[in-house]
């Protein structure tokens, strides 16, 4: 065995993620994104900048991803980014397993803004509202972005990891 075969792989090369077929198609068509490590089921995950979410989403819709199964928020921890995540599926193919992809947009905690995908997938309506209500991510262009679960006068974003719960919240008109 040659000596160069036994050399350790530099850390930068170890961290490279092999692009999946959807990521390769996006790259071939000029859509900026980054491939992330697939999940444990092998679902491809891509990272996109907020400014490129709508063009990339439109391309994925044209590619056949006609169903937004889930849109949610993720808090990476106090002082770290918030993430708006989209799980897309191709519905209607004759395939036994439908094709899936996840798109993640990493947003600054101080001003988390991302374009709404409501105009591409109508199922984003209440999902984006819930993410706004719980994490404070603002979905620009959403037709009715307001609190969904919490009262309109609630202060803060309950699912953020740095959220401090008030001692009580009185429901005066509950009964």
C-alpha atoms as a PDB file:
ATOM      1  CA  UNK A   1       0.000   0.000   0.000  1.00  0.00           C
ATOM      2  CA  UNK A   2       1.383   3.393  -0.983  1.00  0.00           C
ATOM      3  CA  UNK A   3       2.144   5.865   1.781  1.00  0.00           C
ATOM      4  CA  UNK A   4      -0.179   8.541   0.299  1.00  0.00           C
ATOM      5  CA  UNK A   5      -3.140   6.136   0.633  1.00  0.00           C
ATOM      6  CA  UNK A   6      -2.782   6.048   4.415  1.00  0.00           C
ATOM      7  CA  UNK A   7      -2.651   9.832   4.937  1.00  0.00           C
ATOM      8  CA  UNK A   8      -5.561  11.233   6.913  1.00  0.00           C
ATOM      9  CA  UNK A   9      -8.180  13.186   4.993  1.00  0.00           C
ATOM     10  CA  UNK A  10      -8.112  16.930   5.834  1.00  0.00           C
ATOM     11  CA  UNK A  11     -11.103  18.069   7.922  1.00  0.00           C
ATOM     12  CA  UNK A  12     -12.271  20.419   5.154  1.00  0.00           C
ATOM     13  CA  UNK A  13     -12.637  17.472   2.755  1.00  0.00           C
ATOM     14  CA  UNK A  14     -14.416  15.328   5.362  1.00  0.00           C
ATOM     15  CA  UNK A  15     -17.118  17.966   5.847  1.00  0.00           C
ATOM     16  CA  UNK A  16     -18.053  18.121   2.161  1.00  0.00           C
ATOM     17  CA  UNK A  17     -21.509  16.718   1.548  1.00  0.00           C
ATOM     18  CA  UNK A  18     -22.174  14.908  -1.695  1.00  0.00           C
ATOM     19  CA  UNK A  19     -24.913  16.712  -3.602  1.00  0.00           C
ATOM     20  CA  UNK A  20     -28.062  14.691  -4.149  1.00  0.00           C
ATOM     21  CA  UNK A  21     -29.954  14.499  -7.457  1.00  0.00           C
ATOM     22  CA  UNK A  22     -32.213  17.480  -6.709  1.00  0.00           C
ATOM     23  CA  UNK A  23     -29.275  19.610  -5.594  1.00  0.00           C
ATOM     24  CA  UNK A  24     -27.425  18.641  -8.776  1.00  0.00           C
ATOM     25  CA  UNK A  25     -30.445  19.658 -10.884  1.00  0.00           C
ATOM     26  CA  UNK A  26     -30.646  23.005  -9.057  1.00  0.00           C
ATOM     27  CA  UNK A  27     -26.919  23.603  -9.629  1.00  0.00           C
ATOM     28  CA  UNK A  28     -27.206  22.724 -13.336  1.00  0.00           C
ATOM     29  CA  UNK A  29     -29.994  25.295 -13.636  1.00  0.00           C
ATOM     30  CA  UNK A  30     -28.127  28.069 -11.816  1.00  0.00           C
ATOM     31  CA  UNK A  31     -29.902  28.101  -8.432  1.00  0.00           C
ATOM     32  CA  UNK A  32     -27.616  29.036  -5.547  1.00  0.00           C
ATOM     33  CA  UNK A  33     -27.816  26.738  -2.544  1.00  0.00           C
ATOM     34  CA  UNK A  34     -25.718  24.493  -0.335  1.00  0.00           C
ATOM     35  CA  UNK A  35     -26.179  20.758   0.226  1.00  0.00           C
ATOM     36  CA  UNK A  36     -26.435  19.710   3.859  1.00  0.00           C
ATOM     37  CA  UNK A  37     -26.110  16.225   5.335  1.00  0.00           C
ATOM     38  CA  UNK A  38     -29.219  14.137   4.464  1.00  0.00           C
ATOM     39  CA  UNK A  39     -31.430  13.019   7.335  1.00  0.00           C
ATOM     40  CA  UNK A  40     -31.367   9.454   8.689  1.00  0.00           C
ATOM     41  CA  UNK A  41     -33.930   8.350   6.085  1.00  0.00           C
ATOM     42  CA  UNK A  42     -31.808   9.788   3.295  1.00  0.00           C
ATOM     43  CA  UNK A  43     -34.015  12.818   2.575  1.00  0.00           C
ATOM     44  CA  UNK A  44     -31.958  15.448   0.821  1.00  0.00           C
ATOM     45  CA  UNK A  45     -31.568  18.747   2.716  1.00  0.00           C
ATOM     46  CA  UNK A  46     -30.489  22.003   1.107  1.00  0.00           C
ATOM     47  CA  UNK A  47     -29.686  25.398   2.582  1.00  0.00           C
ATOM     48  CA  UNK A  48     -30.675  28.555   0.746  1.00  0.00           C
ATOM     49  CA  UNK A  49     -30.271  32.249   1.489  1.00  0.00           C
ATOM     50  CA  UNK A  50     -33.466  34.156   2.201  1.00  0.00           C
ATOM     51  CA  UNK A  51     -33.114  36.248  -0.987  1.00  0.00           C
ATOM     52  CA  UNK A  52     -33.065  33.104  -3.139  1.00  0.00           C
ATOM     53  CA  UNK A  53     -35.919  31.215  -1.450  1.00  0.00           C
ATOM     54  CA  UNK A  54     -38.673  32.286  -3.861  1.00  0.00           C
ATOM     55  CA  UNK A  55     -36.772  31.592  -7.097  1.00  0.00           C
ATOM     56  CA  UNK A  56     -35.570  28.236  -5.750  1.00  0.00           C
ATOM     57  CA  UNK A  57     -39.060  27.338  -4.475  1.00  0.00           C
ATOM     58  CA  UNK A  58     -40.586  28.217  -7.832  1.00  0.00           C
ATOM     59  CA  UNK A  59     -38.009  25.977  -9.537  1.00  0.00           C
ATOM     60  CA  UNK A  60     -38.761  23.107  -7.145  1.00  0.00           C
ATOM     61  CA  UNK A  61     -42.484  23.525  -7.821  1.00  0.00           C
ATOM     62  CA  UNK A  62     -41.792  23.385 -11.574  1.00  0.00           C
ATOM     63  CA  UNK A  63     -39.590  20.298 -10.945  1.00  0.00           C
ATOM     64  CA  UNK A  64     -42.678  18.609  -9.488  1.00  0.00           C
ATOM     65  CA  UNK A  65     -42.665  19.347  -5.761  1.00  0.00           C
ATOM     66  CA  UNK A  66     -46.339  20.252  -5.638  1.00  0.00           C
ATOM     67  CA  UNK A  67     -46.980  19.592  -1.939  1.00  0.00           C
ATOM     68  CA  UNK A  68     -45.615  21.480   1.065  1.00  0.00           C
ATOM     69  CA  UNK A  69     -46.036  18.802   3.716  1.00  0.00           C
ATOM     70  CA  UNK A  70     -44.581  20.834   6.554  1.00  0.00           C
ATOM     71  CA  UNK A  71     -43.210  24.284   7.213  1.00  0.00           C
ATOM     72  CA  UNK A  72     -41.794  24.959  10.650  1.00  0.00           C
ATOM     73  CA  UNK A  73     -39.313  26.934  12.665  1.00  0.00           C
ATOM     74  CA  UNK A  74     -36.211  25.748  14.479  1.00  0.00           C
ATOM     75  CA  UNK A  75     -34.262  27.625  17.148  1.00  0.00           C
ATOM     76  CA  UNK A  76     -30.596  26.645  17.192  1.00  0.00           C
ATOM     77  CA  UNK A  77     -30.179  28.085  20.703  1.00  0.00           C
ATOM     78  CA  UNK A  78     -29.806  31.396  22.530  1.00  0.00           C
ATOM     79  CA  UNK A  79     -27.776  33.843  20.465  1.00  0.00           C
ATOM     80  CA  UNK A  80     -27.815  31.557  17.422  1.00  0.00           C
ATOM     81  CA  UNK A  81     -29.820  31.566  14.203  1.00  0.00           C
ATOM     82  CA  UNK A  82     -33.453  30.700  13.683  1.00  0.00           C
ATOM     83  CA  UNK A  83     -34.314  28.369  10.806  1.00  0.00           C
ATOM     84  CA  UNK A  84     -37.371  28.316   8.577  1.00  0.00           C
ATOM     85  CA  UNK A  85     -37.713  24.758   7.276  1.00  0.00           C
ATOM     86  CA  UNK A  86     -39.833  23.459   4.374  1.00  0.00           C
ATOM     87  CA  UNK A  87     -40.482  19.758   3.695  1.00  0.00           C
ATOM     88  CA  UNK A  88     -41.584  19.270   0.079  1.00  0.00           C
ATOM     89  CA  UNK A  89     -42.979  16.171  -1.627  1.00  0.00           C
ATOM     90  CA  UNK A  90     -43.773  15.186  -5.198  1.00  0.00           C
ATOM     91  CA  UNK A  91     -47.353  13.947  -5.101  1.00  0.00           C
ATOM     92  CA  UNK A  92     -48.951  12.046  -7.969  1.00  0.00           C
ATOM     93  CA  UNK A  93     -45.988  10.114  -9.314  1.00  0.00           C
ATOM     94  CA  UNK A  94     -46.399   6.381  -9.786  1.00  0.00           C
ATOM     95  CA  UNK A  95     -43.337   5.801  -7.635  1.00  0.00           C
ATOM     96  CA  UNK A  96     -43.708   3.623  -4.555  1.00  0.00           C
ATOM     97  CA  UNK A  97     -41.812   6.170  -2.444  1.00  0.00           C
ATOM     98  CA  UNK A  98     -42.546   9.817  -3.293  1.00  0.00           C
ATOM     99  CA  UNK A  99     -39.548  12.070  -3.820  1.00  0.00           C
ATOM    100  CA  UNK A 100     -38.864  14.400  -0.871  1.00  0.00           C
ATOM    101  CA  UNK A 101     -36.591  17.330  -0.073  1.00  0.00           C
ATOM    102  CA  UNK A 102     -36.106  19.722   2.813  1.00  0.00           C
ATOM    103  CA  UNK A 103     -35.175  23.357   2.345  1.00  0.00           C
ATOM    104  CA  UNK A 104     -33.698  25.331   5.237  1.00  0.00           C
ATOM    105  CA  UNK A 105     -33.261  29.091   5.476  1.00  0.00           C
ATOM    106  CA  UNK A 106     -30.995  30.250   8.324  1.00  0.00           C
ATOM    107  CA  UNK A 107     -32.039  33.653   9.676  1.00  0.00           C
ATOM    108  CA  UNK A 108     -30.480  36.109  12.117  1.00  0.00           C
ATOM    109  CA  UNK A 109     -32.190  36.077  15.512  1.00  0.00           C
ATOM    110  CA  UNK A 110     -32.389  39.886  15.689  1.00  0.00           C
ATOM    111  CA  UNK A 111     -34.424  40.367  12.484  1.00  0.00           C
ATOM    112  CA  UNK A 112     -35.648  37.016  11.121  1.00  0.00           C
ATOM    113  CA  UNK A 113     -37.319  37.836   7.792  1.00  0.00           C
ATOM    114  CA  UNK A 114     -37.978  35.543   4.880  1.00  0.00           C
ATOM    115  CA  UNK A 115     -40.360  35.738   1.889  1.00  0.00           C
ATOM    116  CA  UNK A 116     -43.626  33.853   2.245  1.00  0.00           C
ATOM    117  CA  UNK A 117     -44.089  30.820   0.010  1.00  0.00           C
ATOM    118  CA  UNK A 118     -47.877  31.105   0.392  1.00  0.00           C
ATOM    119  CA  UNK A 119     -48.197  32.172  -3.255  1.00  0.00           C
ATOM    120  CA  UNK A 120     -46.524  28.919  -4.372  1.00  0.00           C
ATOM    121  CA  UNK A 121     -48.019  26.454  -1.857  1.00  0.00           C
ATOM    122  CA  UNK A 122     -51.275  27.578  -0.211  1.00  0.00           C
ATOM    123  CA  UNK A 123     -50.666  25.089   2.620  1.00  0.00           C
ATOM    124  CA  UNK A 124     -48.032  27.525   3.915  1.00  0.00           C
ATOM    125  CA  UNK A 125     -50.810  29.845   5.163  1.00  0.00           C
ATOM    126  CA  UNK A 126     -51.376  28.570   8.696  1.00  0.00           C
ATOM    127  CA  UNK A 127     -47.958  26.927   8.957  1.00  0.00           C
ATOM    128  CA  UNK A 128     -46.155  30.244   8.421  1.00  0.00           C
ATOM    129  CA  UNK A 129     -48.567  31.922  10.844  1.00  0.00           C
ATOM    130  CA  UNK A 130     -47.788  29.320  13.503  1.00  0.00           C
ATOM    131  CA  UNK A 131     -44.043  29.715  12.981  1.00  0.00           C
ATOM    132  CA  UNK A 132     -44.440  33.505  13.217  1.00  0.00           C
ATOM    133  CA  UNK A 133     -46.491  33.121  16.407  1.00  0.00           C
ATOM    134  CA  UNK A 134     -44.082  30.727  18.128  1.00  0.00           C
ATOM    135  CA  UNK A 135     -40.651  31.883  16.829  1.00  0.00           C
ATOM    136  CA  UNK A 136     -41.179  35.453  15.585  1.00  0.00           C
ATOM    137  CA  UNK A 137     -40.038  34.739  12.021  1.00  0.00           C
ATOM    138  CA  UNK A 138     -41.631  37.333   9.743  1.00  0.00           C
ATOM    139  CA  UNK A 139     -42.921  35.976   6.432  1.00  0.00           C
ATOM    140  CA  UNK A 140     -42.873  38.951   4.082  1.00  0.00           C
ATOM    141  CA  UNK A 141     -45.759  38.986   1.632  1.00  0.00           C
ATOM    142  CA  UNK A 142     -47.965  36.669   3.691  1.00  0.00           C
ATOM    143  CA  UNK A 143     -51.619  37.781   3.226  1.00  0.00           C
ATOM    144  CA  UNK A 144     -52.628  37.508   6.894  1.00  0.00           C
ATOM    145  CA  UNK A 145     -49.565  37.254   9.139  1.00  0.00           C
ATOM    146  CA  UNK A 146     -50.899  37.507  12.675  1.00  0.00           C
ATOM    147  CA  UNK A 147     -50.898  35.419  15.826  1.00  0.00           C
ATOM    148  CA  UNK A 148     -52.620  32.068  15.476  1.00  0.00           C
ATOM    149  CA  UNK A 149     -52.205  30.286  18.822  1.00  0.00           C
ATOM    150  CA  UNK A 150     -51.298  33.029  21.296  1.00  0.00           C
ATOM    151  CA  UNK A 151     -53.468  36.033  22.167  1.00  0.00           C
ATOM    152  CA  UNK A 152     -52.809  39.104  19.996  1.00  0.00           C
ATOM    153  CA  UNK A 153     -51.354  41.021  22.965  1.00  0.00           C
ATOM    154  CA  UNK A 154     -48.874  38.261  23.933  1.00  0.00           C
ATOM    155  CA  UNK A 155     -45.307  39.508  24.292  1.00  0.00           C
ATOM    156  CA  UNK A 156     -42.503  37.304  23.018  1.00  0.00           C
ATOM    157  CA  UNK A 157     -42.062  34.098  21.060  1.00  0.00           C
ATOM    158  CA  UNK A 158     -42.804  31.029  23.250  1.00  0.00           C
ATOM    159  CA  UNK A 159     -40.761  28.410  21.357  1.00  0.00           C
ATOM    160  CA  UNK A 160     -37.532  30.385  21.264  1.00  0.00           C
ATOM    161  CA  UNK A 161     -34.990  28.799  23.573  1.00  0.00           C
ATOM    162  CA  UNK A 162     -34.226  32.150  25.222  1.00  0.00           C
ATOM    163  CA  UNK A 163     -37.909  32.889  25.950  1.00  0.00           C
ATOM    164  CA  UNK A 164     -38.691  33.722  29.576  1.00  0.00           C
ATOM    165  CA  UNK A 165     -42.197  32.649  30.477  1.00  0.00           C
ATOM    166  CA  UNK A 166     -44.291  35.209  32.348  1.00  0.00           C
ATOM    167  CA  UNK A 167     -45.424  34.207  35.846  1.00  0.00           C
ATOM    168  CA  UNK A 168     -49.033  34.080  34.666  1.00  0.00           C
ATOM    169  CA  UNK A 169     -51.339  35.157  31.905  1.00  0.00           C
ATOM    170  CA  UNK A 170     -54.856  35.934  32.994  1.00  0.00           C
ATOM    171  CA  UNK A 171     -57.641  34.869  30.658  1.00  0.00           C
ATOM    172  CA  UNK A 172     -60.283  37.358  31.755  1.00  0.00           C
ATOM    173  CA  UNK A 173     -62.912  36.434  29.195  1.00  0.00           C
ATOM    174  CA  UNK A 174     -62.393  32.681  29.303  1.00  0.00           C
ATOM    175  CA  UNK A 175     -65.785  31.915  30.787  1.00  0.00           C
END
